Amino acid sequence: MKDVCNYSLKSHNTFGIDARCSRFLEFDSVEEAVRVATILLQSATPYIIIGGGSNLLLTKDFDGIVVRSAIGDCTVSGVTMRCGSGMVWDDVVDRSLEAHLFGGENLSLIPGDVGASAVQNIGAYGAEVKDLIVSVEAVEIETGRQCRFANSDCQYGYRQSRFKQEWKNRYLITHVTYQFSPVFTPRLDYGNIRAELERRCINHPTAEQLRQVIIDIRNAKLPDPQVMGNAGSFFMNPVVSRQQFEQLLAQYPDMPHYHVDDDHEKIPAGWMIEQCGWKGRSLGRAAVHDKQALVLVNLGGATGQEVVTLCQTICKDVRQKFGIDIHPEVNIV
C-alpha cells in the first residue's frame, strides 16, 4: 500500500494542476482497501477519493487524505468481465474486443479508471456504461464491510449514480463487473460516426473499425493532456423540457439536439458555448479549446481557480443567451 505525506497530485489530474495533499493512500487489493477504510475511519482528517484524475479540477492544496485504487486485475468469464477499479477504462474496451465481446466500442478512449466509470456513469456517442454494468463491489468505509451492489441499486442516470450523491465518500470501489454481448451490433447514428465511416468507404464496420473511428474522432477533437492540460468534456449536456426545446428550436432552427423521451430533449452544451462566442477564447491562462467548445484547457500554468472563473463566466453567458443552466461534469475540489 502506498502511503505518502505532503504528496503532489500533479500526476493525478489531467489538468496538470500542481496541488498537494496532506496524505496520499493507494490500495492495490481488497485487503488493502479494508486497511485504508480503517485509517479513514480513525482519522479526523477530511478525505476525497479519486480515480485517474481525468474528471478532476483541483483549485487549491487539499488539507486531508486523497485515496486512489490501483487494483488492476481483470477476469473474463463467458460474456462478463470483472475488472479492478484501478484498471484503465479504455483497456477494458480493448480487452473485451480481444475476447470477442461487444457493446463497449462507442465508449472507446474515454479517459479514467474502472471505478470512476461506475461512479460517473461515463458515456459517449449514444452509449452509457450503466448498460454494461452488472455489479459494483466496494468496501464500506464506516464498517470495513465488503459489499456488492447490483446495477439497480446504484440508480444510474445521466452522469449520475448514488456514488455521486448520497453514497459519496462512503465506499471504496474495488471491482466492477460488466456484461457484454457475443454479437456485434454497431451503433452509428450519434455524432459524426456514420459520416466518418463513409469517408473511409466502410459500409459495414467491424467492431475494431468502429472503435478505431471513435478513437480517431476523439483524438481529433480533444487535446492530449500531456501537451495541454484538460479534463475532456467539462460540461454536461443539459436535458430540457419539450416546451423549452420547441421555443428554442423556433429561434434556432439549426440547433442540434438528441431525443431523450416524449417530454425531453438533450441540447449539446458545446454548441451553446460556441454560439456564445467562446470557442477558442481564453480568460487568463485558461481557455476554451479551439476544436471542441465543450473542453476547457490549461494554456500553461493556469490555476484551478482560473479554470473555475472561466467556467462560471461561460455558464453565465449561456444562461443569458438561452435561458439554460449548464453544469460542470468535472469534480471541482
C-alpha atoms as a PDB file:
ATOM      1  CA  MET A   1       0.000   0.000   0.000  1.00  0.00           C
ATOM      2  CA  LYS A   2       1.287   3.436  -0.916  1.00  0.00           C
ATOM      3  CA  ASP A   3       1.213   5.873   1.987  1.00  0.00           C
ATOM      4  CA  VAL A   4       2.911   9.243   1.402  1.00  0.00           C
ATOM      5  CA  CYS A   5       2.649  12.547   3.261  1.00  0.00           C
ATOM      6  CA  ASN A   6       2.780  16.011   1.627  1.00  0.00           C
ATOM      7  CA  TYR A   7       2.167  14.443  -1.772  1.00  0.00           C
ATOM      8  CA  SER A   8       1.981  16.242  -5.132  1.00  0.00           C
ATOM      9  CA  LEU A   9      -1.165  15.465  -7.130  1.00  0.00           C
ATOM     10  CA  LYS A  10       0.133  16.922 -10.395  1.00  0.00           C
ATOM     11  CA  SER A  11       0.436  13.476 -11.982  1.00  0.00           C
ATOM     12  CA  HIS A  12      -3.031  12.523 -10.730  1.00  0.00           C
ATOM     13  CA  ASN A  13      -5.058  15.201 -12.537  1.00  0.00           C
ATOM     14  CA  THR A  14      -5.120  15.680 -16.283  1.00  0.00           C
ATOM     15  CA  PHE A  15      -5.472  19.457 -15.949  1.00  0.00           C
ATOM     16  CA  GLY A  16      -1.874  19.386 -14.693  1.00  0.00           C
ATOM     17  CA  ILE A  17      -2.609  21.476 -11.600  1.00  0.00           C
ATOM     18  CA  ASP A  18       0.269  21.259  -9.132  1.00  0.00           C
ATOM     19  CA  ALA A  19      -1.705  20.943  -5.901  1.00  0.00           C
ATOM     20  CA  ARG A  20      -0.662  18.862  -2.920  1.00  0.00           C
ATOM     21  CA  CYS A  21      -2.446  16.809  -0.300  1.00  0.00           C
ATOM     22  CA  SER A  22      -1.505  16.145   3.312  1.00  0.00           C
ATOM     23  CA  ARG A  23      -1.502  12.374   2.799  1.00  0.00           C
ATOM     24  CA  PHE A  24      -1.919  10.046  -0.184  1.00  0.00           C
ATOM     25  CA  LEU A  25      -3.137   6.463   0.176  1.00  0.00           C
ATOM     26  CA  GLU A  26      -3.231   3.999  -2.718  1.00  0.00           C
ATOM     27  CA  PHE A  27      -4.508   0.429  -2.341  1.00  0.00           C
ATOM     28  CA  ASP A  28      -3.994  -2.445  -4.778  1.00  0.00           C
ATOM     29  CA  SER A  29      -6.089  -5.205  -3.205  1.00  0.00           C
ATOM     30  CA  VAL A  30      -9.370  -5.641  -1.363  1.00  0.00           C
ATOM     31  CA  GLU A  31      -7.451  -6.327   1.839  1.00  0.00           C
ATOM     32  CA  GLU A  32      -5.569  -3.045   1.487  1.00  0.00           C
ATOM     33  CA  ALA A  33      -8.856  -1.251   0.793  1.00  0.00           C
ATOM     34  CA  VAL A  34     -10.110  -2.534   4.144  1.00  0.00           C
ATOM     35  CA  ARG A  35      -6.958  -1.172   5.793  1.00  0.00           C
ATOM     36  CA  VAL A  36      -7.463   2.198   4.115  1.00  0.00           C
ATOM     37  CA  ALA A  37     -11.068   2.264   5.315  1.00  0.00           C
ATOM     38  CA  THR A  38      -9.826   1.762   8.873  1.00  0.00           C
ATOM     39  CA  ILE A  39      -7.336   4.624   8.503  1.00  0.00           C
ATOM     40  CA  LEU A  40     -10.031   6.945   7.160  1.00  0.00           C
ATOM     41  CA  LEU A  41     -12.479   5.999   9.891  1.00  0.00           C
ATOM     42  CA  GLN A  42      -9.937   6.560  12.661  1.00  0.00           C
ATOM     43  CA  SER A  43      -8.707   9.855  11.254  1.00  0.00           C
ATOM     44  CA  ALA A  44     -10.438  13.153  11.880  1.00  0.00           C
ATOM     45  CA  THR A  45      -8.931  14.448   8.629  1.00  0.00           C
ATOM     46  CA  PRO A  46     -11.203  15.065   5.618  1.00  0.00           C
ATOM     47  CA  TYR A  47     -10.657  12.827   2.601  1.00  0.00           C
ATOM     48  CA  ILE A  48     -11.529  12.521  -1.065  1.00  0.00           C
ATOM     49  CA  ILE A  49     -11.464   9.510  -3.362  1.00  0.00           C
ATOM     50  CA  ILE A  50     -10.082   9.964  -6.876  1.00  0.00           C
ATOM     51  CA  GLY A  51      -9.624   7.812  -9.963  1.00  0.00           C
ATOM     52  CA  GLY A  52      -7.290   8.604 -12.828  1.00  0.00           C
ATOM     53  CA  GLY A  53      -7.831  12.335 -12.327  1.00  0.00           C
ATOM     54  CA  SER A  54      -9.391  12.824 -15.772  1.00  0.00           C
ATOM     55  CA  ASN A  55     -12.562  14.267 -14.260  1.00  0.00           C
ATOM     56  CA  LEU A  56     -10.970  16.365 -11.546  1.00  0.00           C
ATOM     57  CA  LEU A  57     -10.174  20.051 -11.122  1.00  0.00           C
ATOM     58  CA  LEU A  58      -8.049  20.977  -8.122  1.00  0.00           C
ATOM     59  CA  THR A  59      -8.428  24.588  -7.021  1.00  0.00           C
ATOM     60  CA  LYS A  60      -6.024  24.513  -4.063  1.00  0.00           C
ATOM     61  CA  ASP A  61      -3.939  22.241  -1.865  1.00  0.00           C
ATOM     62  CA  PHE A  62      -6.057  19.666  -0.066  1.00  0.00           C
ATOM     63  CA  ASP A  63      -5.552  19.617   3.693  1.00  0.00           C
ATOM     64  CA  GLY A  64      -6.553  15.999   4.053  1.00  0.00           C
ATOM     65  CA  ILE A  65      -6.204  12.481   2.670  1.00  0.00           C
ATOM     66  CA  VAL A  66      -6.500  11.573  -1.003  1.00  0.00           C
ATOM     67  CA  VAL A  67      -7.331   7.936  -1.742  1.00  0.00           C
ATOM     68  CA  ARG A  68      -6.871   6.077  -5.006  1.00  0.00           C
ATOM     69  CA  SER A  69      -7.303   2.480  -6.175  1.00  0.00           C
ATOM     70  CA  ALA A  70      -4.540   0.664  -8.029  1.00  0.00           C
ATOM     71  CA  ILE A  71      -6.389  -2.682  -8.265  1.00  0.00           C
ATOM     72  CA  GLY A  72      -5.770  -3.724 -11.848  1.00  0.00           C
ATOM     73  CA  ASP A  73      -6.842  -7.359 -12.188  1.00  0.00           C
ATOM     74  CA  CYS A  74      -9.275  -8.481 -14.889  1.00  0.00           C
ATOM     75  CA  THR A  75     -11.111 -11.796 -15.234  1.00  0.00           C
ATOM     76  CA  VAL A  76     -13.156 -12.802 -18.279  1.00  0.00           C
ATOM     77  CA  SER A  77     -15.919 -15.349 -17.709  1.00  0.00           C
ATOM     78  CA  GLY A  78     -18.304 -16.023 -20.581  1.00  0.00           C
ATOM     79  CA  VAL A  79     -19.744 -12.637 -21.560  1.00  0.00           C
ATOM     80  CA  THR A  80     -18.749 -10.898 -18.328  1.00  0.00           C
ATOM     81  CA  MET A  81     -15.565  -9.138 -17.253  1.00  0.00           C
ATOM     82  CA  ARG A  82     -14.736  -8.458 -13.601  1.00  0.00           C
ATOM     83  CA  CYS A  83     -12.247  -5.599 -13.508  1.00  0.00           C
ATOM     84  CA  GLY A  84     -10.255  -3.974 -10.745  1.00  0.00           C
ATOM     85  CA  SER A  85     -11.270  -0.390 -10.004  1.00  0.00           C
ATOM     86  CA  GLY A  86      -7.785   0.905 -10.828  1.00  0.00           C
ATOM     87  CA  MET A  87      -7.771  -0.567 -14.335  1.00  0.00           C
ATOM     88  CA  VAL A  88      -7.810   1.986 -17.157  1.00  0.00           C
ATOM     89  CA  TRP A  89     -11.286   2.033 -18.719  1.00  0.00           C
ATOM     90  CA  ASP A  90     -10.075   2.018 -22.319  1.00  0.00           C
ATOM     91  CA  ASP A  91      -8.092  -1.135 -21.571  1.00  0.00           C
ATOM     92  CA  VAL A  92     -11.405  -2.761 -20.653  1.00  0.00           C
ATOM     93  CA  VAL A  93     -12.832  -1.940 -24.083  1.00  0.00           C
ATOM     94  CA  ASP A  94      -9.678  -3.204 -25.764  1.00  0.00           C
ATOM     95  CA  ARG A  95      -9.696  -6.408 -23.713  1.00  0.00           C
ATOM     96  CA  SER A  96     -13.383  -7.005 -24.452  1.00  0.00           C
ATOM     97  CA  LEU A  97     -12.784  -6.938 -28.195  1.00  0.00           C
ATOM     98  CA  GLU A  98      -9.850  -9.289 -27.826  1.00  0.00           C
ATOM     99  CA  ALA A  99     -12.302 -11.688 -26.142  1.00  0.00           C
ATOM    100  CA  HIS A 100     -14.868 -11.127 -28.949  1.00  0.00           C
ATOM    101  CA  LEU A 101     -17.240  -9.372 -26.559  1.00  0.00           C
ATOM    102  CA  PHE A 102     -19.095  -6.327 -27.826  1.00  0.00           C
ATOM    103  CA  GLY A 103     -21.011  -3.284 -26.643  1.00  0.00           C
ATOM    104  CA  GLY A 104     -18.231  -1.013 -25.393  1.00  0.00           C
ATOM    105  CA  GLU A 105     -16.978   0.266 -28.750  1.00  0.00           C
ATOM    106  CA  ASN A 106     -18.729   3.654 -28.543  1.00  0.00           C
ATOM    107  CA  LEU A 107     -17.113   4.234 -25.148  1.00  0.00           C
ATOM    108  CA  SER A 108     -13.602   3.900 -26.566  1.00  0.00           C
ATOM    109  CA  LEU A 109     -10.891   6.257 -25.322  1.00  0.00           C
ATOM    110  CA  ILE A 110     -12.989   7.798 -22.556  1.00  0.00           C
ATOM    111  CA  PRO A 111     -10.297   8.639 -20.011  1.00  0.00           C
ATOM    112  CA  GLY A 112     -10.326   7.412 -16.439  1.00  0.00           C
ATOM    113  CA  ASP A 113     -10.429   4.220 -14.436  1.00  0.00           C
ATOM    114  CA  VAL A 114     -12.948   1.431 -13.939  1.00  0.00           C
ATOM    115  CA  GLY A 115     -14.008   2.687 -10.513  1.00  0.00           C
ATOM    116  CA  ALA A 116     -14.808   6.119 -11.910  1.00  0.00           C
ATOM    117  CA  SER A 117     -16.859   4.555 -14.714  1.00  0.00           C
ATOM    118  CA  ALA A 118     -19.243   3.164 -12.097  1.00  0.00           C
ATOM    119  CA  VAL A 119     -19.396   6.424 -10.152  1.00  0.00           C
ATOM    120  CA  GLN A 120     -19.809   8.749 -13.118  1.00  0.00           C
ATOM    121  CA  ASN A 121     -21.816   6.545 -15.486  1.00  0.00           C
ATOM    122  CA  ILE A 122     -19.474   7.521 -18.299  1.00  0.00           C
ATOM    123  CA  GLY A 123     -20.961   7.858 -21.741  1.00  0.00           C
ATOM    124  CA  ALA A 124     -20.316   8.968 -25.306  1.00  0.00           C
ATOM    125  CA  TYR A 125     -21.701   8.572 -28.812  1.00  0.00           C
ATOM    126  CA  GLY A 126     -25.087   7.323 -27.686  1.00  0.00           C
ATOM    127  CA  ALA A 127     -23.804   4.764 -25.160  1.00  0.00           C
ATOM    128  CA  GLU A 128     -23.583   4.723 -21.353  1.00  0.00           C
ATOM    129  CA  VAL A 129     -21.636   2.342 -19.185  1.00  0.00           C
ATOM    130  CA  LYS A 130     -24.691   1.691 -16.996  1.00  0.00           C
ATOM    131  CA  ASP A 131     -25.953  -0.548 -19.802  1.00  0.00           C
ATOM    132  CA  LEU A 132     -22.895  -2.762 -19.331  1.00  0.00           C
ATOM    133  CA  ILE A 133     -22.535  -2.767 -15.539  1.00  0.00           C
ATOM    134  CA  VAL A 134     -23.809  -5.865 -13.754  1.00  0.00           C
ATOM    135  CA  SER A 135     -22.488  -5.149 -10.275  1.00  0.00           C
ATOM    136  CA  VAL A 136     -20.123  -2.989  -8.248  1.00  0.00           C
ATOM    137  CA  GLU A 137     -18.006  -4.317  -5.369  1.00  0.00           C
ATOM    138  CA  ALA A 138     -16.851  -1.964  -2.650  1.00  0.00           C
ATOM    139  CA  VAL A 139     -15.604  -1.652   0.911  1.00  0.00           C
ATOM    140  CA  GLU A 140     -17.806   0.389   3.225  1.00  0.00           C
ATOM    141  CA  ILE A 141     -15.563   2.896   4.970  1.00  0.00           C
ATOM    142  CA  GLU A 142     -17.609   3.126   8.165  1.00  0.00           C
ATOM    143  CA  THR A 143     -17.565  -0.629   8.840  1.00  0.00           C
ATOM    144  CA  GLY A 144     -14.835  -2.133   6.630  1.00  0.00           C
ATOM    145  CA  ARG A 145     -17.529  -4.454   5.300  1.00  0.00           C
ATOM    146  CA  GLN A 146     -17.233  -5.784   1.752  1.00  0.00           C
ATOM    147  CA  CYS A 147     -20.375  -5.012  -0.276  1.00  0.00           C
ATOM    148  CA  ARG A 148     -21.746  -5.910  -3.656  1.00  0.00           C
ATOM    149  CA  PHE A 149     -24.300  -3.698  -5.390  1.00  0.00           C
ATOM    150  CA  ALA A 150     -26.446  -4.707  -8.335  1.00  0.00           C
ATOM    151  CA  ASN A 151     -26.854  -2.266 -11.197  1.00  0.00           C
ATOM    152  CA  SER A 152     -30.349  -1.323  -9.992  1.00  0.00           C
ATOM    153  CA  ASP A 153     -29.011  -0.450  -6.529  1.00  0.00           C
ATOM    154  CA  CYS A 154     -26.827   2.300  -7.998  1.00  0.00           C
ATOM    155  CA  GLN A 155     -29.735   4.292  -9.506  1.00  0.00           C
ATOM    156  CA  TYR A 156     -27.859   5.311 -12.617  1.00  0.00           C
ATOM    157  CA  GLY A 157     -28.845   8.403 -14.568  1.00  0.00           C
ATOM    158  CA  TYR A 158     -27.156  10.778 -16.979  1.00  0.00           C
ATOM    159  CA  ARG A 159     -23.648  11.126 -15.497  1.00  0.00           C
ATOM    160  CA  GLN A 160     -25.130  10.260 -12.133  1.00  0.00           C
ATOM    161  CA  SER A 161     -25.224   7.466  -9.583  1.00  0.00           C
ATOM    162  CA  ARG A 162     -25.754   7.060  -5.869  1.00  0.00           C
ATOM    163  CA  PHE A 163     -21.940   7.023  -5.565  1.00  0.00           C
ATOM    164  CA  LYS A 164     -22.005  10.693  -6.631  1.00  0.00           C
ATOM    165  CA  GLN A 165     -24.940  11.553  -4.408  1.00  0.00           C
ATOM    166  CA  GLU A 166     -25.863  10.052  -1.031  1.00  0.00           C
ATOM    167  CA  TRP A 167     -23.101   7.425  -1.211  1.00  0.00           C
ATOM    168  CA  LYS A 168     -20.333   9.929  -1.917  1.00  0.00           C
ATOM    169  CA  ASN A 169     -17.184   9.115   0.101  1.00  0.00           C
ATOM    170  CA  ARG A 170     -18.943   6.173   1.790  1.00  0.00           C
ATOM    171  CA  TYR A 171     -17.375   3.375  -0.247  1.00  0.00           C
ATOM    172  CA  LEU A 172     -14.045   2.377  -1.757  1.00  0.00           C
ATOM    173  CA  ILE A 173     -14.883   0.672  -5.040  1.00  0.00           C
ATOM    174  CA  THR A 174     -12.709  -2.382  -5.641  1.00  0.00           C
ATOM    175  CA  HIS A 175     -14.211  -4.137  -8.673  1.00  0.00           C
ATOM    176  CA  VAL A 176     -16.832  -3.631 -11.366  1.00  0.00           C
ATOM    177  CA  THR A 177     -18.375  -6.467 -13.378  1.00  0.00           C
ATOM    178  CA  TYR A 178     -19.520  -5.703 -16.920  1.00  0.00           C
ATOM    179  CA  GLN A 179     -21.654  -7.801 -19.207  1.00  0.00           C
ATOM    180  CA  PHE A 180     -21.027  -7.602 -22.933  1.00  0.00           C
ATOM    181  CA  SER A 181     -22.696  -9.197 -25.944  1.00  0.00           C
ATOM    182  CA  PRO A 182     -21.319 -12.060 -28.035  1.00  0.00           C
ATOM    183  CA  VAL A 183     -22.952 -10.395 -31.059  1.00  0.00           C
ATOM    184  CA  PHE A 184     -21.683  -7.121 -32.527  1.00  0.00           C
ATOM    185  CA  THR A 185     -24.488  -4.617 -33.116  1.00  0.00           C
ATOM    186  CA  PRO A 186     -22.980  -1.310 -34.265  1.00  0.00           C
ATOM    187  CA  ARG A 187     -24.428   1.990 -33.088  1.00  0.00           C
ATOM    188  CA  LEU A 188     -23.599   4.564 -35.762  1.00  0.00           C
ATOM    189  CA  ASP A 189     -26.183   7.329 -35.570  1.00  0.00           C
ATOM    190  CA  TYR A 190     -24.668   9.555 -32.901  1.00  0.00           C
ATOM    191  CA  GLY A 191     -22.339  12.427 -33.757  1.00  0.00           C
ATOM    192  CA  ASN A 192     -20.368  12.079 -36.971  1.00  0.00           C
ATOM    193  CA  ILE A 193     -19.616   8.342 -36.739  1.00  0.00           C
ATOM    194  CA  ARG A 194     -21.515   7.380 -39.875  1.00  0.00           C
ATOM    195  CA  ALA A 195     -20.076  10.256 -41.890  1.00  0.00           C
ATOM    196  CA  GLU A 196     -16.542   9.302 -40.890  1.00  0.00           C
ATOM    197  CA  LEU A 197     -17.153   5.661 -41.829  1.00  0.00           C
ATOM    198  CA  GLU A 198     -18.490   6.767 -45.211  1.00  0.00           C
ATOM    199  CA  ARG A 199     -15.427   8.938 -45.722  1.00  0.00           C
ATOM    200  CA  ARG A 200     -13.334   5.820 -45.209  1.00  0.00           C
ATOM    201  CA  CYS A 201     -15.579   3.837 -47.568  1.00  0.00           C
ATOM    202  CA  ILE A 202     -16.632   1.481 -44.777  1.00  0.00           C
ATOM    203  CA  ASN A 203     -20.242   0.377 -45.182  1.00  0.00           C
ATOM    204  CA  HIS A 204     -20.328  -2.482 -42.692  1.00  0.00           C
ATOM    205  CA  PRO A 205     -17.747  -1.795 -39.983  1.00  0.00           C
ATOM    206  CA  THR A 206     -16.278  -4.424 -37.725  1.00  0.00           C
ATOM    207  CA  ALA A 207     -16.138  -3.696 -34.003  1.00  0.00           C
ATOM    208  CA  GLU A 208     -12.440  -2.950 -34.328  1.00  0.00           C
ATOM    209  CA  GLN A 209     -13.073  -0.496 -37.171  1.00  0.00           C
ATOM    210  CA  LEU A 210     -15.805   1.261 -35.213  1.00  0.00           C
ATOM    211  CA  ARG A 211     -13.540   1.509 -32.173  1.00  0.00           C
ATOM    212  CA  GLN A 212     -10.732   2.986 -34.289  1.00  0.00           C
ATOM    213  CA  VAL A 213     -13.038   5.551 -35.887  1.00  0.00           C
ATOM    214  CA  ILE A 214     -14.243   6.699 -32.465  1.00  0.00           C
ATOM    215  CA  ILE A 215     -10.675   6.873 -31.193  1.00  0.00           C
ATOM    216  CA  ASP A 216      -9.676   8.965 -34.200  1.00  0.00           C
ATOM    217  CA  ILE A 217     -12.685  11.290 -33.804  1.00  0.00           C
ATOM    218  CA  ARG A 218     -11.915  11.820 -30.125  1.00  0.00           C
ATOM    219  CA  ASN A 219      -8.224  12.411 -30.788  1.00  0.00           C
ATOM    220  CA  ALA A 220      -9.078  14.980 -33.465  1.00  0.00           C
ATOM    221  CA  LYS A 221     -11.368  16.886 -31.076  1.00  0.00           C
ATOM    222  CA  LEU A 222      -9.663  16.509 -27.719  1.00  0.00           C
ATOM    223  CA  PRO A 223      -6.172  17.787 -26.895  1.00  0.00           C
ATOM    224  CA  ASP A 224      -3.609  15.435 -25.390  1.00  0.00           C
ATOM    225  CA  PRO A 225      -3.473  16.214 -21.633  1.00  0.00           C
ATOM    226  CA  GLN A 226       0.299  15.687 -21.753  1.00  0.00           C
ATOM    227  CA  VAL A 227       0.522  18.617 -24.171  1.00  0.00           C
ATOM    228  CA  MET A 228      -2.378  20.797 -22.990  1.00  0.00           C
ATOM    229  CA  GLY A 229      -3.984  20.095 -19.633  1.00  0.00           C
ATOM    230  CA  ASN A 230      -7.703  19.339 -19.758  1.00  0.00           C
ATOM    231  CA  ALA A 231     -10.367  17.039 -18.323  1.00  0.00           C
ATOM    232  CA  GLY A 232     -12.138  16.167 -21.560  1.00  0.00           C
ATOM    233  CA  SER A 233     -15.753  17.289 -21.692  1.00  0.00           C
ATOM    234  CA  PHE A 234     -16.051  19.867 -18.932  1.00  0.00           C
ATOM    235  CA  PHE A 235     -19.824  20.371 -19.045  1.00  0.00           C
ATOM    236  CA  MET A 236     -22.804  18.039 -19.085  1.00  0.00           C
ATOM    237  CA  ASN A 237     -25.276  18.353 -21.946  1.00  0.00           C
ATOM    238  CA  PRO A 238     -28.489  19.806 -20.477  1.00  0.00           C
ATOM    239  CA  VAL A 239     -31.787  17.983 -20.801  1.00  0.00           C
ATOM    240  CA  VAL A 240     -34.684  20.392 -21.298  1.00  0.00           C
ATOM    241  CA  SER A 241     -38.459  20.110 -21.426  1.00  0.00           C
ATOM    242  CA  ARG A 242     -40.264  19.640 -24.727  1.00  0.00           C
ATOM    243  CA  GLN A 243     -41.804  23.103 -24.371  1.00  0.00           C
ATOM    244  CA  GLN A 244     -38.473  24.846 -23.819  1.00  0.00           C
ATOM    245  CA  PHE A 245     -36.891  22.854 -26.625  1.00  0.00           C
ATOM    246  CA  GLU A 246     -39.587  23.870 -29.128  1.00  0.00           C
ATOM    247  CA  GLN A 247     -39.259  27.527 -28.131  1.00  0.00           C
ATOM    248  CA  LEU A 248     -35.502  27.386 -28.711  1.00  0.00           C
ATOM    249  CA  LEU A 249     -35.867  25.458 -31.966  1.00  0.00           C
ATOM    250  CA  ALA A 250     -38.157  28.158 -33.323  1.00  0.00           C
ATOM    251  CA  GLN A 251     -35.407  30.666 -32.563  1.00  0.00           C
ATOM    252  CA  TYR A 252     -32.511  28.458 -33.682  1.00  0.00           C
ATOM    253  CA  PRO A 253     -33.794  26.116 -36.449  1.00  0.00           C
ATOM    254  CA  ASP A 254     -30.347  24.540 -36.952  1.00  0.00           C
ATOM    255  CA  MET A 255     -29.871  23.729 -33.272  1.00  0.00           C
ATOM    256  CA  PRO A 256     -28.567  20.168 -32.825  1.00  0.00           C
ATOM    257  CA  HIS A 257     -30.446  18.020 -30.333  1.00  0.00           C
ATOM    258  CA  TYR A 258     -30.884  14.424 -29.200  1.00  0.00           C
ATOM    259  CA  HIS A 259     -34.157  12.797 -28.301  1.00  0.00           C
ATOM    260  CA  VAL A 260     -34.442  11.649 -24.675  1.00  0.00           C
ATOM    261  CA  ASP A 261     -38.148  10.821 -24.381  1.00  0.00           C
ATOM    262  CA  ASP A 262     -41.513  12.286 -25.360  1.00  0.00           C
ATOM    263  CA  ASP A 263     -41.134  15.088 -22.833  1.00  0.00           C
ATOM    264  CA  HIS A 264     -37.415  15.886 -23.021  1.00  0.00           C
ATOM    265  CA  GLU A 265     -34.614  16.691 -25.477  1.00  0.00           C
ATOM    266  CA  LYS A 266     -30.872  16.950 -24.892  1.00  0.00           C
ATOM    267  CA  ILE A 267     -29.059  20.000 -26.286  1.00  0.00           C
ATOM    268  CA  PRO A 268     -25.265  19.926 -26.757  1.00  0.00           C
ATOM    269  CA  ALA A 269     -23.632  22.292 -24.293  1.00  0.00           C
ATOM    270  CA  GLY A 270     -20.683  22.674 -26.662  1.00  0.00           C
ATOM    271  CA  TRP A 271     -22.961  24.108 -29.352  1.00  0.00           C
ATOM    272  CA  MET A 272     -24.406  26.679 -26.955  1.00  0.00           C
ATOM    273  CA  ILE A 273     -20.944  27.656 -25.743  1.00  0.00           C
ATOM    274  CA  GLU A 274     -19.844  28.103 -29.347  1.00  0.00           C
ATOM    275  CA  GLN A 275     -22.926  30.220 -30.100  1.00  0.00           C
ATOM    276  CA  CYS A 276     -21.886  32.469 -27.214  1.00  0.00           C
ATOM    277  CA  GLY A 277     -18.574  33.067 -28.988  1.00  0.00           C
ATOM    278  CA  TRP A 278     -16.369  31.215 -26.539  1.00  0.00           C
ATOM    279  CA  LYS A 279     -14.803  28.604 -28.822  1.00  0.00           C
ATOM    280  CA  GLY A 280     -11.051  29.251 -28.945  1.00  0.00           C
ATOM    281  CA  ARG A 281     -11.206  32.165 -26.490  1.00  0.00           C
ATOM    282  CA  SER A 282      -9.185  32.432 -23.301  1.00  0.00           C
ATOM    283  CA  LEU A 283      -9.562  34.060 -19.925  1.00  0.00           C
ATOM    284  CA  GLY A 284      -6.175  34.380 -18.310  1.00  0.00           C
ATOM    285  CA  ARG A 285      -4.277  31.104 -18.673  1.00  0.00           C
ATOM    286  CA  ALA A 286      -7.449  29.038 -19.102  1.00  0.00           C
ATOM    287  CA  ALA A 287      -9.226  28.711 -22.429  1.00  0.00           C
ATOM    288  CA  VAL A 288     -11.950  27.010 -24.437  1.00  0.00           C
ATOM    289  CA  HIS A 289     -10.428  24.545 -26.880  1.00  0.00           C
ATOM    290  CA  ASP A 290     -10.485  25.776 -30.483  1.00  0.00           C
ATOM    291  CA  LYS A 291     -11.689  22.421 -31.840  1.00  0.00           C
ATOM    292  CA  GLN A 292     -14.268  21.450 -29.214  1.00  0.00           C
ATOM    293  CA  ALA A 293     -16.077  24.098 -27.173  1.00  0.00           C
ATOM    294  CA  LEU A 294     -17.044  21.546 -24.525  1.00  0.00           C
ATOM    295  CA  VAL A 295     -13.397  21.295 -23.465  1.00  0.00           C
ATOM    296  CA  LEU A 296     -11.643  23.772 -21.187  1.00  0.00           C
ATOM    297  CA  VAL A 297      -7.845  23.745 -21.322  1.00  0.00           C
ATOM    298  CA  ASN A 298      -4.851  24.827 -19.300  1.00  0.00           C
ATOM    299  CA  LEU A 299      -2.727  27.004 -21.586  1.00  0.00           C
ATOM    300  CA  GLY A 300       0.175  26.601 -19.195  1.00  0.00           C
ATOM    301  CA  GLY A 301       0.489  27.430 -15.537  1.00  0.00           C
ATOM    302  CA  ALA A 302      -3.219  28.024 -15.017  1.00  0.00           C
ATOM    303  CA  THR A 303      -4.554  27.657 -11.510  1.00  0.00           C
ATOM    304  CA  GLY A 304      -7.678  25.685 -10.772  1.00  0.00           C
ATOM    305  CA  GLN A 305      -9.385  28.923  -9.777  1.00  0.00           C
ATOM    306  CA  GLU A 306      -8.683  30.422 -13.213  1.00  0.00           C
ATOM    307  CA  VAL A 307     -10.467  27.454 -14.793  1.00  0.00           C
ATOM    308  CA  VAL A 308     -13.375  27.908 -12.368  1.00  0.00           C
ATOM    309  CA  THR A 309     -13.640  31.600 -13.274  1.00  0.00           C
ATOM    310  CA  LEU A 310     -13.774  30.684 -16.971  1.00  0.00           C
ATOM    311  CA  CYS A 311     -16.412  28.039 -16.225  1.00  0.00           C
ATOM    312  CA  GLN A 312     -18.573  30.483 -14.286  1.00  0.00           C
ATOM    313  CA  THR A 313     -18.311  33.146 -16.996  1.00  0.00           C
ATOM    314  CA  ILE A 314     -19.353  30.664 -19.697  1.00  0.00           C
ATOM    315  CA  CYS A 315     -22.295  29.425 -17.617  1.00  0.00           C
ATOM    316  CA  LYS A 316     -23.465  32.998 -17.130  1.00  0.00           C
ATOM    317  CA  ASP A 317     -23.311  33.747 -20.850  1.00  0.00           C
ATOM    318  CA  VAL A 318     -25.164  30.541 -21.793  1.00  0.00           C
ATOM    319  CA  ARG A 319     -27.881  31.316 -19.251  1.00  0.00           C
ATOM    320  CA  GLN A 320     -28.301  34.851 -20.590  1.00  0.00           C
ATOM    321  CA  LYS A 321     -28.495  33.745 -24.237  1.00  0.00           C
ATOM    322  CA  PHE A 322     -30.515  30.517 -23.972  1.00  0.00           C
ATOM    323  CA  GLY A 323     -32.142  30.576 -20.531  1.00  0.00           C
ATOM    324  CA  ILE A 324     -30.487  27.237 -19.768  1.00  0.00           C
ATOM    325  CA  ASP A 325     -28.205  26.383 -16.877  1.00  0.00           C
ATOM    326  CA  ILE A 326     -25.264  24.178 -17.793  1.00  0.00           C
ATOM    327  CA  HIS A 327     -23.290  22.383 -15.125  1.00  0.00           C
ATOM    328  CA  PRO A 328     -19.749  21.036 -14.880  1.00  0.00           C
ATOM    329  CA  GLU A 329     -19.273  17.323 -15.397  1.00  0.00           C
ATOM    330  CA  VAL A 330     -15.858  17.704 -13.750  1.00  0.00           C
ATOM    331  CA  ASN A 331     -15.496  17.344  -9.980  1.00  0.00           C
ATOM    332  CA  ILE A 332     -14.170  20.606  -8.550  1.00  0.00           C
ATOM    333  CA  VAL A 333     -12.180  20.300  -5.315  1.00  0.00           C
END
